[in-house]
Amino acid sequence: MKLLTSRDFNRDVSLAKRAAQVEPVVITDRGQPTHVLMSIGEYRRLTGEGESILELLAMPEGVAIDAADAAADGAWDHREGL
């Protein structure tokens, strides 16, 4: 685990975030551990928590859907006449 003082954390948050992608970062205040910064993946692993539907919907990468497969499955095709 990496140790980082609260002063160093405040000076360079990006450094702390990069380090937390590799391992948890313990942030100290007056020499005493006060907080732990870790990646969301590590947090979810420890808590057993999965991604919420809101996080899945907010993902920037899209999901490819083959229209021919969807039509074959009986999905409604907006191009059909009424």
C-alpha atoms as a PDB file:
ATOM      1  CA  MET A   1       0.000   0.000   0.000  1.00  0.00           C
ATOM      2  CA  LYS A   2       1.198   3.476  -0.830  1.00  0.00           C
ATOM      3  CA  LEU A   3       1.216   6.151   1.885  1.00  0.00           C
ATOM      4  CA  LEU A   4       0.436   9.747   1.032  1.00  0.00           C
ATOM      5  CA  THR A   5       0.155  12.706   3.392  1.00  0.00           C
ATOM      6  CA  SER A   6      -2.990  14.798   3.192  1.00  0.00           C
ATOM      7  CA  ARG A   7      -0.806  17.742   2.131  1.00  0.00           C
ATOM      8  CA  ASP A   8       0.674  15.724  -0.778  1.00  0.00           C
ATOM      9  CA  PHE A   9      -2.800  14.457  -1.666  1.00  0.00           C
ATOM     10  CA  ASN A  10      -4.119  18.025  -1.860  1.00  0.00           C
ATOM     11  CA  ARG A  11      -1.141  19.122  -3.969  1.00  0.00           C
ATOM     12  CA  ASP A  12      -1.468  16.342  -6.543  1.00  0.00           C
ATOM     13  CA  VAL A  13      -4.811  14.537  -6.601  1.00  0.00           C
ATOM     14  CA  SER A  14      -4.005  13.122 -10.051  1.00  0.00           C
ATOM     15  CA  LEU A  15      -0.950  11.348  -8.652  1.00  0.00           C
ATOM     16  CA  ALA A  16      -3.094   9.766  -5.931  1.00  0.00           C
ATOM     17  CA  LYS A  17      -5.720   8.653  -8.462  1.00  0.00           C
ATOM     18  CA  ARG A  18      -3.080   7.084 -10.701  1.00  0.00           C
ATOM     19  CA  ALA A  19      -1.505   5.286  -7.741  1.00  0.00           C
ATOM     20  CA  ALA A  20      -4.938   4.019  -6.622  1.00  0.00           C
ATOM     21  CA  GLN A  21      -5.367   2.291  -9.980  1.00  0.00           C
ATOM     22  CA  VAL A  22      -2.419   0.066  -9.014  1.00  0.00           C
ATOM     23  CA  GLU A  23      -2.978  -0.372  -5.268  1.00  0.00           C
ATOM     24  CA  PRO A  24      -4.915   1.247  -2.417  1.00  0.00           C
ATOM     25  CA  VAL A  25      -3.475   4.556  -1.239  1.00  0.00           C
ATOM     26  CA  VAL A  26      -3.546   5.354   2.487  1.00  0.00           C
ATOM     27  CA  ILE A  27      -3.865   9.072   3.171  1.00  0.00           C
ATOM     28  CA  THR A  28      -2.447  10.253   6.487  1.00  0.00           C
ATOM     29  CA  ASP A  29      -3.149  13.306   8.586  1.00  0.00           C
ATOM     30  CA  ARG A  30      -0.482  14.196  11.156  1.00  0.00           C
ATOM     31  CA  GLY A  31       1.064  10.766  10.689  1.00  0.00           C
ATOM     32  CA  GLN A  32      -2.156   8.827  11.326  1.00  0.00           C
ATOM     33  CA  PRO A  33      -4.034   6.956   8.563  1.00  0.00           C
ATOM     34  CA  THR A  34      -7.389   8.658   7.951  1.00  0.00           C
ATOM     35  CA  HIS A  35      -8.590   7.604   4.502  1.00  0.00           C
ATOM     36  CA  VAL A  36      -8.027   4.989   1.830  1.00  0.00           C
ATOM     37  CA  LEU A  37      -8.307   5.773  -1.872  1.00  0.00           C
ATOM     38  CA  MET A  38      -8.878   2.839  -4.210  1.00  0.00           C
ATOM     39  CA  SER A  39     -10.214   2.182  -7.675  1.00  0.00           C
ATOM     40  CA  ILE A  40     -13.939   1.612  -8.052  1.00  0.00           C
ATOM     41  CA  GLY A  41     -13.182  -1.877  -9.348  1.00  0.00           C
ATOM     42  CA  GLU A  42     -11.293  -2.762  -6.178  1.00  0.00           C
ATOM     43  CA  TYR A  43     -14.068  -1.262  -4.027  1.00  0.00           C
ATOM     44  CA  ARG A  44     -16.722  -3.299  -5.824  1.00  0.00           C
ATOM     45  CA  ARG A  45     -14.627  -6.443  -5.486  1.00  0.00           C
ATOM     46  CA  LEU A  46     -14.309  -5.909  -1.736  1.00  0.00           C
ATOM     47  CA  THR A  47     -17.976  -5.069  -1.178  1.00  0.00           C
ATOM     48  CA  GLY A  48     -19.427  -7.529  -3.684  1.00  0.00           C
ATOM     49  CA  GLU A  49     -21.292  -4.633  -5.282  1.00  0.00           C
ATOM     50  CA  GLY A  50     -21.948  -4.707  -9.036  1.00  0.00           C
ATOM     51  CA  GLU A  51     -22.559  -1.920 -11.486  1.00  0.00           C
ATOM     52  CA  SER A  52     -25.921  -0.172 -11.217  1.00  0.00           C
ATOM     53  CA  ILE A  53     -28.234   0.164 -14.207  1.00  0.00           C
ATOM     54  CA  LEU A  54     -27.554   3.930 -14.210  1.00  0.00           C
ATOM     55  CA  GLU A  55     -23.807   3.344 -14.561  1.00  0.00           C
ATOM     56  CA  LEU A  56     -24.380   0.842 -17.350  1.00  0.00           C
ATOM     57  CA  LEU A  57     -26.636   3.267 -19.228  1.00  0.00           C
ATOM     58  CA  ALA A  58     -24.106   6.085 -18.821  1.00  0.00           C
ATOM     59  CA  MET A  59     -21.255   4.066 -20.363  1.00  0.00           C
ATOM     60  CA  PRO A  60     -19.753   5.936 -23.316  1.00  0.00           C
ATOM     61  CA  GLU A  61     -19.229   2.868 -25.478  1.00  0.00           C
ATOM     62  CA  GLY A  62     -22.337   1.717 -27.294  1.00  0.00           C
ATOM     63  CA  VAL A  63     -23.632  -1.760 -27.835  1.00  0.00           C
ATOM     64  CA  ALA A  64     -23.802  -3.007 -31.406  1.00  0.00           C
ATOM     65  CA  ILE A  65     -27.188  -4.434 -32.376  1.00  0.00           C
ATOM     66  CA  ASP A  66     -27.679  -6.299 -35.614  1.00  0.00           C
ATOM     67  CA  ALA A  67     -31.055  -5.238 -37.058  1.00  0.00           C
ATOM     68  CA  ALA A  68     -31.392  -8.486 -39.019  1.00  0.00           C
ATOM     69  CA  ASP A  69     -30.977 -10.538 -35.847  1.00  0.00           C
ATOM     70  CA  ALA A  70     -33.448  -8.346 -33.979  1.00  0.00           C
ATOM     71  CA  ALA A  71     -36.043  -8.739 -36.740  1.00  0.00           C
ATOM     72  CA  ALA A  72     -35.503 -12.503 -36.791  1.00  0.00           C
ATOM     73  CA  ASP A  73     -36.210 -12.561 -33.054  1.00  0.00           C
ATOM     74  CA  GLY A  74     -39.583 -10.912 -33.645  1.00  0.00           C
ATOM     75  CA  ALA A  75     -38.509  -7.444 -32.567  1.00  0.00           C
ATOM     76  CA  TRP A  76     -40.571  -4.566 -33.897  1.00  0.00           C
ATOM     77  CA  ASP A  77     -39.034  -2.929 -36.945  1.00  0.00           C
ATOM     78  CA  HIS A  78     -39.849   0.798 -37.165  1.00  0.00           C
ATOM     79  CA  ARG A  79     -39.428   0.622 -40.945  1.00  0.00           C
ATOM     80  CA  GLU A  80     -42.476  -1.599 -41.365  1.00  0.00           C
ATOM     81  CA  GLY A  81     -45.666   0.000 -42.550  1.00  0.00           C
ATOM     82  CA  LEU A  82     -48.540   0.408 -40.130  1.00  0.00           C
END
